[in-house]
Amino acid sequence: MEHVDTEAVAASRIWDALSAGLRHDAPRWLELAVELRDSNERQWQEEDRSRHELANDELAAIKRRIDTLNGGRVEAIHAIDLALLPQFEIDTSAPPLVETLGQTIDRMTIAWIREERSRSIAWPSGGAAPPLLAEVRHACDALRRAFDANVEDLVTGRRSVVPTRTVKLYRPAGTAPGEET
């Protein structure tokens, strides 16, 4: 297998970019990961808004914004895969990973948001971390280790990956199930 600089695609590099921002020489896939985090943050905020007492039209508007953000999320995951995977020489005869690197990066951005929100909501005063925050951090660490293991498996040829786009189709607004469009 062709050598890939695993440090250049390490989970710690992604986490640093999510936490501290991008360096001026960041690769496109990492820029996309930060953009995905920002979009996932907006989606989380919309989901928070939906939990309040709202009129039906307000709730419907939030649902439409969430659907739009989710559609962008699917496209961003695919774009990350298309930008990142050409760095690897994929052995297509090897068994595939369960999810693409872009999908794992998506989960990492959500975990990052969960950790940040847990810290600000459940632990606003600092001090010793409550058990729930420790669990969130443990899950984040496990996800970073899994990402690095997936990269190593791709580099060594133990695993392959097929960049697949998630397909989720919506009916045009105003159409009911079974209506012809």
Protein backbone atom coordinates (compact mmCIF):
# COMPACT_ATOMS: atom_id res chain seq x y z
CA MET A 1 0.00 0.00 0.00
CA GLU A 2 1.08 3.55 -0.70
CA HIS A 3 2.20 5.39 2.41
CA VAL A 4 -0.27 7.94 3.72
CA ASP A 5 0.83 10.44 6.35
CA THR A 6 -1.42 9.19 9.13
CA GLU A 7 -0.56 12.25 11.24
CA ALA A 8 -2.06 14.44 8.51
CA VAL A 9 -5.39 12.64 8.83
CA ALA A 10 -5.25 11.87 12.55
CA ALA A 11 -8.31 12.37 14.72
CA SER A 12 -6.30 14.71 16.94
CA ARG A 13 -5.80 17.04 13.96
CA ILE A 14 -9.55 17.06 13.32
CA TRP A 15 -10.33 17.65 17.01
CA ASP A 16 -7.79 20.51 17.13
CA ALA A 17 -9.43 22.15 14.11
CA LEU A 18 -12.88 21.79 15.68
CA SER A 19 -11.61 23.31 18.93
CA ALA A 20 -9.11 25.96 17.88
CA GLY A 21 -9.95 26.65 14.26
CA LEU A 22 -8.17 25.98 11.01
CA ARG A 23 -4.59 26.73 10.13
CA HIS A 24 -4.04 28.69 6.92
CA ASP A 25 -2.68 25.58 5.16
CA ALA A 26 -5.52 23.24 6.15
CA PRO A 27 -6.50 20.69 3.50
CA ARG A 28 -9.93 21.00 1.89
CA TRP A 29 -11.34 17.93 3.67
CA LEU A 30 -10.50 19.50 7.04
CA GLU A 31 -12.14 22.79 6.02
CA LEU A 32 -15.22 20.76 5.12
CA ALA A 33 -15.12 19.03 8.51
CA VAL A 34 -15.21 22.41 10.30
CA GLU A 35 -18.03 23.59 8.03
CA LEU A 36 -19.90 20.36 8.85
CA ARG A 37 -19.41 21.02 12.57
CA ASP A 38 -20.86 24.53 12.11
CA SER A 39 -23.86 23.13 10.24
CA ASN A 40 -24.40 20.41 12.86
CA GLU A 41 -24.25 23.12 15.54
CA ARG A 42 -27.01 25.06 13.72
CA GLN A 43 -29.07 21.89 13.46
CA TRP A 44 -28.62 21.24 17.19
CA GLN A 45 -29.82 24.80 17.90
CA GLU A 46 -32.91 24.27 15.74
CA GLU A 47 -33.65 21.01 17.53
CA ASP A 48 -33.36 22.87 20.86
CA ARG A 49 -35.86 25.46 19.58
CA SER A 50 -38.29 22.70 18.62
CA ARG A 51 -38.51 21.55 22.24
CA HIS A 52 -40.27 24.75 23.31
CA GLU A 53 -44.01 25.37 23.19
CA LEU A 54 -44.53 26.67 19.69
CA ALA A 55 -47.37 27.23 17.30
CA ASN A 56 -47.69 24.57 14.62
CA ASP A 57 -46.46 26.89 11.87
CA GLU A 58 -43.34 27.80 13.90
CA LEU A 59 -42.63 24.13 14.56
CA ALA A 60 -43.13 23.31 10.88
CA ALA A 61 -40.69 26.06 9.89
CA ILE A 62 -38.09 24.65 12.29
CA LYS A 63 -38.63 21.16 10.88
CA ARG A 64 -38.06 22.48 7.35
CA ARG A 65 -34.83 24.20 8.45
CA ILE A 66 -33.67 20.96 10.10
CA ASP A 67 -34.46 19.03 6.90
CA THR A 68 -32.47 21.56 4.85
CA LEU A 69 -29.52 21.39 7.25
CA ASN A 70 -29.66 17.59 7.24
CA GLY A 71 -29.62 17.54 3.44
CA GLY A 72 -26.54 19.77 3.52
CA ARG A 73 -25.01 17.46 6.11
CA VAL A 74 -25.36 14.47 3.80
CA GLU A 75 -23.72 16.40 0.96
CA ALA A 76 -20.91 17.60 3.26
CA ILE A 77 -20.13 14.05 4.40
CA HIS A 78 -19.89 12.95 0.79
CA ALA A 79 -17.70 15.96 -0.08
CA ILE A 80 -15.34 15.11 2.80
CA ASP A 81 -15.01 11.55 1.49
CA LEU A 82 -14.36 12.77 -2.05
CA ALA A 83 -11.68 15.17 -0.79
CA LEU A 84 -10.05 12.79 1.72
CA LEU A 85 -10.15 9.32 0.21
CA PRO A 86 -7.94 10.02 -2.85
CA GLN A 87 -5.00 10.19 -0.41
CA PHE A 88 -5.38 6.44 0.10
CA GLU A 89 -4.65 3.56 -2.21
CA ILE A 90 -7.75 1.52 -1.39
CA ASP A 91 -7.51 -2.27 -1.68
CA THR A 92 -11.00 -2.96 -2.98
CA SER A 93 -10.62 -6.69 -2.25
CA ALA A 94 -10.41 -5.98 1.50
CA PRO A 95 -13.59 -5.99 3.57
CA PRO A 96 -15.12 -2.51 3.78
CA LEU A 97 -15.32 -0.30 6.83
CA VAL A 98 -18.79 -0.09 8.35
CA GLU A 99 -18.90 3.64 7.60
CA THR A 100 -16.86 6.03 5.51
CA LEU A 101 -14.28 8.36 7.04
CA GLY A 102 -16.63 11.25 6.26
CA GLN A 103 -19.40 9.57 8.24
CA THR A 104 -17.04 9.05 11.17
CA ILE A 105 -15.95 12.69 10.95
CA ASP A 106 -19.62 13.66 11.07
CA ARG A 107 -20.02 11.64 14.26
CA MET A 108 -16.88 13.30 15.63
CA THR A 109 -18.33 16.78 14.99
CA ILE A 110 -21.51 15.79 16.81
CA ALA A 111 -19.47 14.36 19.70
CA TRP A 112 -17.48 17.61 19.83
CA ILE A 113 -20.72 19.61 20.03
CA ARG A 114 -22.08 17.26 22.70
CA GLU A 115 -18.92 17.71 24.77
CA GLU A 116 -18.96 21.51 24.41
CA ARG A 117 -22.66 21.73 25.27
CA SER A 118 -22.31 19.31 28.18
CA ARG A 119 -19.50 21.39 29.56
CA SER A 120 -21.42 24.66 29.28
CA ILE A 121 -24.79 23.32 30.48
CA ALA A 122 -23.93 20.64 33.04
CA TRP A 123 -20.62 22.09 34.24
CA PRO A 124 -20.74 25.89 33.89
CA SER A 125 -18.67 26.67 37.00
CA GLY A 126 -15.69 24.41 36.32
CA GLY A 127 -14.20 22.36 39.12
CA ALA A 128 -14.36 18.59 39.10
CA ALA A 129 -16.14 17.18 36.08
CA PRO A 130 -19.45 15.51 36.85
CA PRO A 131 -19.78 11.80 35.91
CA LEU A 132 -21.94 12.59 32.87
CA LEU A 133 -19.26 14.83 31.36
CA ALA A 134 -16.67 12.14 32.00
CA GLU A 135 -18.85 9.69 30.05
CA VAL A 136 -19.17 12.15 27.16
CA ARG A 137 -15.40 12.65 27.11
CA HIS A 138 -14.83 8.89 27.20
CA ALA A 139 -17.15 8.44 24.19
CA CYS A 140 -15.28 11.21 22.32
CA ASP A 141 -11.93 9.54 23.05
CA ALA A 142 -13.26 6.18 21.85
CA LEU A 143 -14.51 7.74 18.62
CA ARG A 144 -11.12 9.39 17.97
CA ARG A 145 -9.33 6.08 18.56
CA ALA A 146 -11.75 4.29 16.22
CA PHE A 147 -11.16 6.90 13.49
CA ASP A 148 -7.38 6.47 13.77
CA ALA A 149 -7.77 2.68 13.66
CA ASN A 150 -9.89 3.00 10.50
CA VAL A 151 -7.22 5.18 8.88
CA GLU A 152 -4.56 2.63 9.82
CA ASP A 153 -6.70 -0.19 8.39
CA LEU A 154 -7.04 1.69 5.10
CA VAL A 155 -3.31 2.41 4.94
CA THR A 156 -2.34 -1.20 5.60
CA GLY A 157 -4.98 -2.62 3.25
CA ARG A 158 -6.81 -4.54 5.98
CA ARG A 159 -9.99 -2.66 5.13
CA SER A 160 -11.46 -0.79 2.18
CA VAL A 161 -14.07 1.93 1.93
CA VAL A 162 -16.65 2.83 -0.65
CA PRO A 163 -17.69 6.49 -0.59
CA THR A 164 -21.43 6.20 -0.76
CA ARG A 165 -23.86 9.04 -0.57
CA THR A 166 -26.76 8.63 1.83
CA VAL A 167 -29.96 8.85 -0.16
CA LYS A 168 -32.90 10.44 1.58
CA LEU A 169 -35.58 11.76 -0.70
CA TYR A 170 -38.35 14.09 0.39
CA ARG A 171 -41.68 14.71 -1.32
CA PRO A 172 -42.11 18.18 -2.74
CA ALA A 173 -43.75 20.57 -0.29
CA GLY A 174 -47.52 20.33 -0.36
CA THR A 175 -47.75 16.77 -1.68
CA ALA A 176 -49.20 13.93 0.35
CA PRO A 177 -48.02 10.31 0.37
CA GLY A 178 -49.13 8.57 -2.80
CA GLU A 179 -49.74 11.79 -4.78
CA GLU A 180 -48.22 11.95 -8.21
CA THR A 181 -45.63 14.69 -8.67
